[in-house]
Protein backbone atom coordinates (compact mmCIF):
# COMPACT_ATOMS: atom_id res chain seq x y z
CA MET A 1 -39.01 13.21 12.80
CA THR A 2 -39.28 16.62 11.93
CA ASP A 3 -41.50 18.05 9.06
CA SER A 4 -38.68 18.98 6.88
CA LEU A 5 -37.40 15.39 6.94
CA GLN A 6 -40.71 13.84 6.20
CA GLU A 7 -40.95 16.33 3.24
CA ILE A 8 -37.54 15.13 2.06
CA ILE A 9 -38.50 11.36 2.38
CA GLU A 10 -41.53 12.07 0.19
CA ARG A 11 -39.55 13.61 -2.41
CA ALA A 12 -37.02 10.82 -1.95
CA LYS A 13 -39.68 8.52 -3.05
CA SER A 14 -40.35 10.19 -6.10
CA GLY A 15 -36.82 10.72 -7.02
CA ASN A 16 -37.05 14.55 -6.62
CA LEU A 17 -34.11 15.13 -4.14
CA THR A 18 -32.03 18.49 -4.05
CA SER A 19 -28.66 18.53 -3.08
CA ALA A 20 -29.57 20.08 0.20
CA ASP A 21 -32.23 17.26 0.70
CA LEU A 22 -29.46 14.94 0.05
CA GLN A 23 -27.15 16.37 2.63
CA ILE A 24 -29.97 16.30 5.47
CA LEU A 25 -31.22 12.63 4.58
CA ALA A 26 -27.37 11.47 4.32
CA ALA A 27 -26.86 12.75 7.99
CA ALA A 28 -29.97 11.15 9.16
CA ILE A 29 -29.15 7.82 8.01
CA GLN A 30 -25.43 8.03 9.05
CA SER A 31 -26.62 9.22 12.48
CA GLY A 32 -28.97 6.32 12.70
CA ARG A 33 -32.19 8.35 12.97
CA VAL A 34 -33.39 7.17 9.71
CA THR A 35 -33.14 3.17 8.64
CA LEU A 36 -34.28 1.90 5.46
CA ALA A 37 -35.81 -1.58 5.12
CA THR A 38 -36.73 -3.34 1.94
CA GLY A 39 -38.11 -6.75 0.81
CA GLN A 40 -41.50 -8.64 0.91
CA LYS A 41 -40.83 -9.58 4.58
CA SER A 42 -40.28 -6.26 5.88
CA VAL A 43 -42.72 -5.17 8.74
CA GLY A 44 -44.16 -1.83 9.28
CA ILE A 45 -45.92 -0.45 12.31
CA GLY A 46 -47.90 2.68 12.56
CA GLY A 47 -48.79 2.56 8.68
CA ASN A 48 -49.92 0.56 5.96
CA ALA A 49 -48.22 -2.18 3.83
CA ASP A 50 -47.30 0.16 1.27
CA GLU A 51 -45.48 2.73 3.33
CA SER A 52 -44.65 2.25 7.13
CA VAL A 53 -43.00 4.49 9.41
CA ILE A 54 -41.83 3.16 12.84
CA LEU A 55 -40.68 5.35 15.59
CA THR A 56 -38.74 3.79 18.18
CA GLY A 57 -38.33 4.89 21.77
CA SER A 58 -35.19 6.35 20.98
CA HIS A 59 -36.68 8.53 18.33
CA ASN A 60 -35.03 6.58 15.57
CA VAL A 61 -37.16 6.35 12.24
CA VAL A 62 -37.48 3.25 10.45
CA LEU A 63 -38.90 3.60 6.96
CA ASN A 64 -40.30 0.57 4.95
CA PHE A 65 -40.72 1.08 1.22
CA THR A 66 -42.26 -1.76 -0.86
CA ASP A 67 -41.42 0.46 -3.91
CA THR A 68 -37.76 -0.96 -3.99
CA GLU A 69 -36.86 1.38 -7.15
CA ALA A 70 -37.45 4.39 -5.04
CA VAL A 71 -35.13 3.08 -2.34
CA LEU A 72 -32.49 2.22 -4.79
CA LYS A 73 -32.66 5.88 -5.98
CA ILE A 74 -31.84 7.12 -2.78
CA LEU A 75 -29.12 4.70 -2.12
CA GLN A 76 -27.58 5.61 -5.46
CA GLN A 77 -27.51 9.22 -4.49
CA LEU A 78 -26.19 8.64 -1.25
CA ARG A 79 -23.46 6.15 -2.34
CA PRO A 80 -20.61 8.41 -1.64
CA SER A 81 -21.93 9.00 1.84
CA THR A 82 -22.87 5.38 2.79
CA ASN A 83 -19.51 3.51 1.94
CA PRO A 84 -18.20 1.84 4.88
CA PRO A 85 -15.31 4.19 6.65
CA GLN A 86 -12.01 3.44 5.66
CA SER A 87 -9.62 2.19 8.48
CA SER A 88 -7.83 5.07 10.18
CA SER A 89 -4.81 2.72 10.37
CA PRO A 90 -4.63 0.57 7.42
CA ARG A 91 -2.16 -2.20 7.46
CA ALA A 92 1.27 -1.49 6.43
CA THR A 93 2.33 -2.80 2.93
CA LEU A 94 5.45 -4.77 2.47
CA GLN A 95 7.12 -2.01 0.60
CA GLN A 96 6.56 0.36 3.98
CA LEU A 97 7.78 -2.37 6.19
CA ALA A 98 10.99 -3.31 4.13
CA GLU A 99 12.70 0.01 5.07
CA ILE A 100 16.09 -0.22 6.92
CA SER A 101 15.23 2.70 8.83
CA LYS A 102 12.14 1.11 10.37
CA PHE A 103 14.25 -1.25 12.28
CA ASP A 104 13.81 -0.29 15.89
CA LEU A 105 15.64 3.12 16.92
CA THR A 106 12.36 4.13 18.69
CA GLN A 107 14.01 4.91 22.04
CA LEU A 108 16.65 6.98 20.30
CA ILE A 109 14.12 8.95 18.17
CA ASP A 110 11.81 9.43 21.27
CA GLN A 111 14.80 11.06 22.96
CA CYS A 112 15.48 13.25 20.02
CA LEU A 113 11.99 14.52 19.57
CA GLU A 114 11.91 15.40 23.37
CA GLU A 115 15.29 17.47 23.00
CA LEU A 116 13.73 19.10 19.50
CA PHE A 117 10.29 20.16 20.76
CA ASP A 118 10.07 23.87 21.19
CA HIS A 119 13.68 24.46 20.14
CA GLN A 120 14.67 26.66 17.28
CA GLY A 121 18.03 27.28 15.56
CA LEU A 122 21.13 25.19 16.14
CA ILE A 123 21.05 21.97 18.06
CA GLY A 124 23.65 19.21 18.15
CA LEU A 125 22.87 15.59 18.73
CA ALA A 126 25.53 13.07 19.36
CA VAL A 127 25.41 9.26 18.99
CA PRO A 128 28.40 6.99 19.95
CA CYS A 129 28.13 4.73 17.13
CA SER A 130 30.82 4.34 14.32
CA GLU A 131 28.67 2.16 11.96
CA LYS A 132 28.28 3.89 8.65
CA ALA A 133 24.94 2.37 7.94
CA PHE A 134 23.55 3.85 11.11
CA LEU A 135 23.97 7.49 10.50
CA LYS A 136 21.98 7.23 7.32
CA ASN A 137 19.13 5.18 8.76
CA PHE A 138 19.01 7.28 11.91
CA CYS A 139 18.51 10.69 9.90
CA ASP A 140 16.09 9.06 7.51
CA ARG A 141 14.05 7.91 10.59
CA LEU A 142 14.37 11.15 12.23
CA LYS A 143 13.04 13.03 9.24
CA GLN A 144 10.07 10.57 9.11
CA GLU A 145 9.13 10.96 12.64
CA LEU A 146 9.35 14.73 12.62
CA GLY A 147 6.40 14.40 10.12
CA ARG A 148 6.88 17.58 8.41
CA THR A 149 7.07 18.13 4.56
CA ASN A 150 9.42 21.06 4.98
CA ILE A 151 12.64 19.15 6.12
CA GLN A 152 15.82 19.15 4.39
CA LEU A 153 18.05 16.29 4.70
CA ARG A 154 21.64 17.06 3.66
CA GLN A 155 24.46 15.07 2.45
CA THR A 156 26.79 13.44 5.08
CA LEU A 157 29.93 15.41 5.90
CA SER A 158 33.01 13.70 7.26
CA LEU A 159 34.83 15.94 9.93
CA ASN A 160 38.45 14.44 9.05
CA PRO A 161 41.34 16.95 8.74
CA GLN A 162 42.92 14.63 5.87
CA VAL A 163 39.69 15.33 3.67
CA ILE A 164 38.53 18.75 4.75
CA SER A 165 39.59 21.60 7.15
CA VAL A 166 37.64 22.84 9.94
CA GLY A 167 36.86 26.10 8.22
CA LYS A 168 35.53 24.67 5.12
CA ALA A 169 33.31 22.26 6.87
CA ALA A 170 31.75 24.96 8.89
CA ALA A 171 31.39 27.21 5.82
CA LYS A 172 29.43 24.41 4.13
CA ILE A 173 27.01 24.30 6.94
CA LYS A 174 26.75 28.07 7.16
CA GLN A 175 25.39 27.88 3.48
CA TYR A 176 22.05 26.18 4.99
CA LYS A 177 21.13 29.74 6.70
CA LYS A 178 18.88 30.48 3.74
CA LEU A 179 16.96 27.15 3.95
CA LEU A 180 16.38 27.87 7.61
CA GLN A 181 13.96 30.53 6.64
CA THR A 182 11.57 27.85 5.16
CA SER A 183 12.36 24.47 6.53
CA ASP A 184 14.24 22.46 9.33
CA VAL A 185 17.42 21.05 8.14
CA ILE A 186 19.18 17.83 9.10
CA CYS A 187 23.07 17.55 8.78
CA PRO A 188 24.55 14.14 9.21
CA ILE A 189 28.31 14.60 10.67
CA ARG A 190 30.75 11.97 10.86
CA ILE A 191 33.62 12.58 13.22
CA SER A 192 36.61 10.69 12.14
CA VAL A 193 39.13 12.04 14.38
CA CYS A 194 40.05 9.14 16.77
CA ASP A 195 42.39 11.26 19.17
CA HIS A 196 40.21 12.37 21.99
CA ASN A 197 42.64 15.04 22.75
CA SER A 198 42.02 16.91 19.34
CA SER A 199 40.39 20.18 19.24
CA ILE A 200 39.08 19.66 15.76
CA PRO A 201 35.33 18.80 17.07
CA LYS A 202 35.21 21.46 19.47
CA ASP A 203 36.62 24.07 17.05
CA PHE A 204 34.06 23.09 14.40
CA TRP A 205 31.31 23.23 16.66
CA GLN A 206 32.16 26.84 18.08
CA GLN A 207 32.35 28.12 14.59
CA LEU A 208 28.88 26.70 14.15
CA GLN A 209 27.59 28.48 17.31
CA GLU A 210 29.17 31.72 16.28
CA ALA A 211 27.51 31.45 12.84
CA PHE A 212 24.12 30.72 14.03
CA ARG A 213 23.53 32.98 16.93
CA ASP A 214 20.47 34.78 15.32
CA ASP A 215 17.05 33.65 16.32
CA TYR A 216 15.64 31.22 13.59
CA LYS A 217 12.08 29.86 13.05
CA TYR A 218 13.41 26.60 11.93
CA ARG A 219 15.89 24.01 13.56
CA LEU A 220 19.48 23.46 12.24
CA ILE A 221 19.76 19.63 13.51
CA ILE A 222 23.40 18.60 13.41
CA VAL A 223 23.53 14.72 14.02
CA MET A 224 27.00 13.64 14.97
CA VAL A 225 28.39 9.95 15.12
CA GLY A 226 31.85 8.66 16.19
CA ASN A 227 33.85 8.12 19.22
CA GLN A 228 31.99 9.44 22.47
CA ASP A 229 35.43 11.09 23.75
CA CYS A 230 35.49 13.27 20.45
CA PHE A 231 32.06 14.94 20.62
CA PRO A 232 32.17 18.56 21.35
CA PRO A 233 30.59 19.99 24.58
CA ASP A 234 27.16 21.88 24.47
CA THR A 235 25.59 18.91 22.30
CA VAL A 236 22.89 16.32 23.41
CA LEU A 237 24.56 13.00 24.07
CA LEU A 238 22.49 10.06 23.28
CA PRO A 239 23.09 6.37 24.07
CA HIS A 240 24.65 3.80 21.78
CA PRO A 241 21.85 2.21 19.72
CA GLN A 242 21.00 -1.19 21.00
CA PHE A 243 19.52 -4.00 18.71
CA LYS A 244 17.76 -6.82 20.90
CA LYS A 245 16.26 -10.06 19.69
CA SER A 246 12.80 -8.51 20.39
CA HIS A 247 13.58 -5.82 17.93
CA ALA A 248 14.49 -8.82 15.20
CA PHE A 249 11.30 -10.71 16.17
CA GLN A 250 9.04 -7.72 15.57
CA TRP A 251 10.65 -6.86 12.42
CA ILE A 252 10.42 -10.41 11.13
CA ARG A 253 6.92 -10.94 12.34
CA ASP A 254 5.37 -7.86 10.77
CA ILE A 255 7.05 -8.73 7.21
CA ALA A 256 6.14 -12.35 7.71
CA GLN A 257 2.42 -11.19 8.15
CA ALA A 258 2.54 -9.18 5.26
CA LYS A 259 3.90 -11.97 2.98
CA ASN A 260 1.79 -14.61 4.87
CA TRP A 261 4.88 -16.57 5.77
CA MET A 262 4.25 -16.88 9.60
CA HIS A 263 5.09 -20.40 9.59
CA LEU A 264 8.87 -19.42 8.76
CA SER A 265 9.20 -16.60 11.19
CA ASP A 266 11.15 -19.09 14.06
CA GLN A 267 13.45 -20.25 11.47
CA TRP A 268 14.04 -16.88 10.02
CA MET A 269 14.48 -15.33 13.57
CA GLN A 270 17.25 -18.11 14.35
CA LYS A 271 19.04 -17.52 11.15
CA MET A 272 19.36 -13.74 11.86
CA THR A 273 20.26 -13.77 15.53
CA ASP A 274 22.93 -16.44 14.76
CA ARG A 275 24.35 -14.16 11.98
CA CYS A 276 24.02 -11.00 13.92
CA LEU A 277 25.32 -11.96 17.32
CA CYS A 278 29.06 -11.67 17.88
CA ASN A 279 31.49 -12.01 20.77
CA ASP A 280 32.21 -8.16 20.79
CA SER A 281 28.53 -7.34 21.35
CA PRO A 282 27.17 -7.07 25.00
CA VAL A 283 25.31 -10.06 26.24
CA GLY A 284 21.89 -10.16 24.58
CA LEU A 285 22.31 -7.62 22.08
CA LEU A 286 22.84 -7.94 18.31
CA ASP A 287 25.67 -6.23 16.63
CA VAL A 288 24.49 -3.06 14.93
CA GLY A 289 26.59 -3.45 11.87
CA LEU A 290 25.86 -6.83 11.29
CA VAL A 291 22.08 -6.32 11.58
CA TYR A 292 22.33 -3.45 8.96
CA GLU A 293 24.08 -5.90 6.70
CA HIS A 294 21.33 -8.68 7.20
CA LEU A 295 18.26 -6.05 6.70
CA ASP A 296 20.02 -4.73 3.70
CA TYR A 297 20.61 -8.35 2.22
CA THR A 298 17.07 -9.53 2.82
CA ILE A 299 15.20 -6.38 1.77
CA SER A 300 17.08 -6.64 -1.49
CA LEU A 301 16.34 -10.31 -1.80
CA LEU A 302 12.64 -9.62 -1.19
CA GLN A 303 12.41 -6.71 -3.76
CA ARG A 304 14.42 -8.52 -6.57
CA ASN A 305 12.25 -11.76 -6.33
CA PRO A 306 8.56 -10.63 -5.16
CA SER A 307 7.33 -14.10 -6.07
CA LEU A 308 10.19 -16.03 -3.93
CA THR A 309 8.66 -18.81 -1.91
CA ALA A 310 9.06 -18.81 1.80
CA GLU A 311 11.26 -22.07 1.40
CA ALA A 312 13.41 -20.64 -1.17
CA PHE A 313 13.81 -17.45 0.96
CA LEU A 314 15.04 -19.38 3.71
CA GLU A 315 17.64 -21.23 1.62
CA GLN A 316 18.87 -17.91 0.42
CA LEU A 317 19.45 -16.91 4.00
CA ASP A 318 22.19 -19.78 4.55
């Protein structure tokens, strides 16, 4: 034990610690160099009954004070530093878990992140999925996973010649040039053209490529959904989302744990898979649209009725 630490401990006993003393003593206690022991049965070695110092083989110091009041003074002053550390990964709350965008999508998001690393300016991501709920939840999840505060998520634009011309649709996107000076921009695009011979998606993309030729610090992320045959070239084609029973199990498990409803997880799982399997889905896969409908219904049910019992909740799923 250094002389400076000895002097600090003497001042601590008399309650005359300075702020600098506190920092040094706090570091010594947190590192285990100093251990405080109180109580009538405390045993000291190398001192007397009133004040003992134990120096272990590892050079840790154990201080035994019979003056409990002096020790309490130390602990009071060190309280902000001696509280047990918070868990670095606290258990997710029900509100955090009950977000539709949190349901699976992990593989798709991982592929997107790989494409977006070290990329600036215009990039197109194309997902062959026509479900309306998918586009919103996918973009919400992508924004979350990018983990930045400076990300702008714009309103969905439908590329439909009966609603908007190609030129006007491209002009709307061009307005985001100023935003690219300070943030990433995510633009959801729904390609509503069914004819794979149509040049509309290609013309739209070419106009964007011409408009965003300059170097940008941030990314303009165009997320397109629709028929795979209609996606323009030079975009990143991602696979169709695949929702499996294991994804349903994981989502139900986490919410059931948060609600302390583990006893109903198997029944809930059965109800969800029965509702979300359909003949048109590939074997073993849940229908994307039906999954989102089920998630929306169950989350609304939980949020509207926070005091709902497990049994009453199951009845509502019938």
